Protein backbone atom coordinates (compact mmCIF):
# COMPACT_ATOMS: atom_id res chain seq x y z
CA MET A 1 -52.97 -35.01 89.24
CA SER A 2 -52.86 -38.22 87.30
CA ASP A 3 -51.16 -41.40 88.62
CA ILE A 4 -49.44 -41.81 85.18
CA ASP A 5 -45.77 -40.79 85.13
CA TRP A 6 -45.86 -39.06 81.66
CA SER A 7 -42.12 -38.32 81.96
CA THR A 8 -41.30 -41.91 80.94
CA ARG A 9 -43.99 -42.24 78.28
CA ARG A 10 -43.41 -42.39 74.53
CA ALA A 11 -45.91 -41.84 71.67
CA PRO A 12 -47.65 -45.18 70.67
CA ASP A 13 -45.73 -46.75 67.80
CA LEU A 14 -47.25 -48.52 64.80
CA ALA A 15 -47.48 -51.82 66.66
CA THR A 16 -49.50 -50.11 69.41
CA PHE A 17 -51.87 -48.37 67.04
CA GLU A 18 -52.47 -51.81 65.23
CA THR A 19 -53.40 -53.26 68.65
CA LEU A 20 -55.72 -50.14 69.21
CA ALA A 21 -57.38 -50.68 65.86
CA GLU A 22 -57.82 -54.50 66.48
CA ALA A 23 -59.43 -53.80 69.88
CA ALA A 24 -61.71 -51.13 68.44
CA PHE A 25 -62.76 -53.42 65.60
CA ALA A 26 -63.34 -56.37 68.24
CA ARG A 27 -65.81 -53.92 70.15
CA LEU A 28 -67.91 -53.35 67.03
CA PRO A 29 -71.29 -55.09 66.86
CA ASP A 30 -71.03 -58.75 65.69
CA GLU A 31 -73.35 -58.16 62.71
CA PHE A 32 -71.27 -55.24 61.61
CA ARG A 33 -67.94 -57.25 61.95
CA ALA A 34 -69.48 -60.12 60.16
CA LEU A 35 -70.02 -57.85 57.07
CA CYS A 36 -66.49 -56.84 57.05
CA GLU A 37 -65.10 -60.23 55.90
CA GLY A 38 -62.07 -59.60 53.82
CA VAL A 39 -61.46 -55.83 54.66
CA VAL A 40 -57.87 -55.33 55.53
CA ILE A 41 -56.91 -52.69 58.24
CA ARG A 42 -53.48 -51.16 57.79
CA VAL A 43 -51.60 -48.72 59.84
CA GLU A 44 -48.99 -46.34 58.44
CA GLU A 45 -47.15 -43.17 59.66
CA PHE A 46 -48.55 -40.99 56.97
CA PRO A 47 -50.55 -41.14 53.72
CA ASP A 48 -48.24 -41.30 50.65
CA ASP A 49 -47.82 -38.54 48.30
CA GLU A 50 -50.11 -39.80 45.75
CA THR A 51 -52.92 -40.27 48.18
CA LEU A 52 -52.52 -36.69 49.55
CA GLU A 53 -52.50 -35.33 45.95
CA GLU A 54 -55.49 -37.43 45.08
CA MET A 55 -57.40 -36.27 48.27
CA GLY A 56 -56.61 -32.67 47.88
CA CYS A 57 -54.81 -32.49 51.09
CA GLU A 58 -52.69 -29.32 51.89
CA SER A 59 -50.59 -31.25 54.59
CA GLU A 60 -49.72 -34.71 55.31
CA PHE A 61 -51.63 -34.21 58.64
CA ASP A 62 -54.93 -33.62 56.94
CA LEU A 63 -55.89 -37.19 56.42
CA LEU A 64 -56.47 -39.50 59.49
CA GLY A 65 -57.83 -42.58 57.69
CA LEU A 66 -58.92 -43.71 54.22
CA PHE A 67 -61.03 -46.55 52.61
CA ARG A 68 -59.75 -47.88 49.44
CA GLY A 69 -61.60 -50.44 47.38
CA THR A 70 -65.09 -51.31 46.02
CA GLY A 71 -67.59 -50.78 48.88
CA LEU A 72 -70.56 -53.24 49.34
CA ALA A 73 -72.76 -50.41 48.28
CA GLN A 74 -70.97 -50.67 44.83
CA GLY A 75 -71.15 -54.42 44.63
CA GLY A 76 -67.77 -55.08 46.18
CA GLY A 77 -67.06 -57.69 48.98
CA ALA A 78 -64.40 -60.31 49.80
CA LEU A 79 -65.99 -62.91 47.50
CA ASN A 80 -66.18 -60.53 44.48
CA LEU A 81 -62.59 -59.72 43.88
CA ALA A 82 -61.52 -59.65 40.43
CA THR A 83 -58.20 -61.35 39.44
CA GLY A 84 -55.54 -59.04 40.45
CA GLN A 85 -57.73 -56.58 42.41
CA PHE A 86 -56.50 -55.60 45.82
CA PRO A 87 -58.75 -56.29 48.82
CA ASN A 88 -60.76 -53.53 50.39
CA MET A 89 -58.54 -51.74 52.77
CA VAL A 90 -58.87 -49.32 55.67
CA TRP A 91 -55.83 -47.20 56.24
CA LEU A 92 -55.19 -45.44 59.70
CA TYR A 93 -52.55 -42.90 59.69
CA ARG A 94 -50.50 -42.88 63.01
CA ARG A 95 -49.00 -39.30 63.00
CA PRO A 96 -52.09 -37.38 61.79
CA LEU A 97 -54.07 -39.34 64.41
CA LEU A 98 -51.60 -38.42 67.06
CA ASP A 99 -51.64 -34.77 66.04
CA TYR A 100 -55.53 -34.66 66.22
CA TRP A 101 -55.52 -36.30 69.47
CA ALA A 102 -53.09 -33.79 71.06
CA GLU A 103 -55.34 -30.97 69.94
CA HIS A 104 -58.73 -32.57 71.14
CA ASP A 105 -60.24 -33.67 74.34
CA GLU A 106 -60.89 -37.47 73.66
CA THR A 107 -59.02 -40.52 74.33
CA LEU A 108 -56.70 -42.09 71.64
CA GLY A 109 -58.71 -45.36 71.77
CA HIS A 110 -61.92 -43.50 71.07
CA LEU A 111 -60.40 -41.53 68.32
CA VAL A 112 -58.98 -44.66 66.55
CA ALA A 113 -62.40 -46.26 66.87
CA HIS A 114 -64.09 -43.40 65.50
CA VAL A 115 -61.92 -43.12 62.26
CA LEU A 116 -62.08 -46.99 61.88
CA VAL A 117 -65.94 -46.96 62.00
CA HIS A 118 -66.02 -43.91 59.70
CA GLU A 119 -63.77 -45.63 57.14
CA ILE A 120 -65.43 -49.00 57.33
CA GLY A 121 -68.72 -47.16 56.90
CA HIS A 122 -67.67 -46.01 53.63
CA HIS A 123 -67.24 -49.80 52.66
CA PHE A 124 -70.89 -50.32 53.60
CA GLY A 125 -72.20 -46.84 52.26
CA LEU A 126 -73.52 -45.81 55.65
CA SER A 127 -74.86 -42.42 56.63
CA ASP A 128 -73.11 -40.43 59.40
CA ASP A 129 -76.08 -41.32 61.72
CA ASP A 130 -75.64 -45.00 61.04
CA MET A 131 -72.01 -44.76 61.95
CA ALA A 132 -72.72 -42.87 65.16
CA ALA A 133 -75.06 -45.51 66.21
CA ILE A 134 -72.41 -48.10 65.67
CA GLU A 135 -69.85 -46.15 67.64
CA VAL A 136 -72.45 -45.80 70.53
CA ALA A 137 -72.97 -49.67 70.31
CA ALA A 138 -69.30 -50.31 70.44
CA GLU A 139 -68.99 -48.26 73.66
CA GLU A 140 -71.68 -50.05 75.52
């Protein structure tokens, strides 16, 4: 039996998720983080209706995270912002992440890191193998 008293625990709130995302980002390899200059990480409860429709989601729980912007592979980056253009952003969605976590056998911190790396990986145009290697390096 666990030493944690779950009867007094609440689901992590948005601020806690932001802390998890910041900690996951801090564990990424230095050279990877250096390339992320200007990428903004946001945590929201759910994706908005427009995003759900655009992504073809059947439920608001279908999307765990999202990269929006112009990836480095397409010539984007912090220094290439056109006037009025939003910065590159990674969105993490708290409620879908909690739902996924409840159904799978992994820690919440690992899940947040996985989604963060996957979404940032889109910024770089990385393959799934590249992203898996970055996750392994972050866990060492």
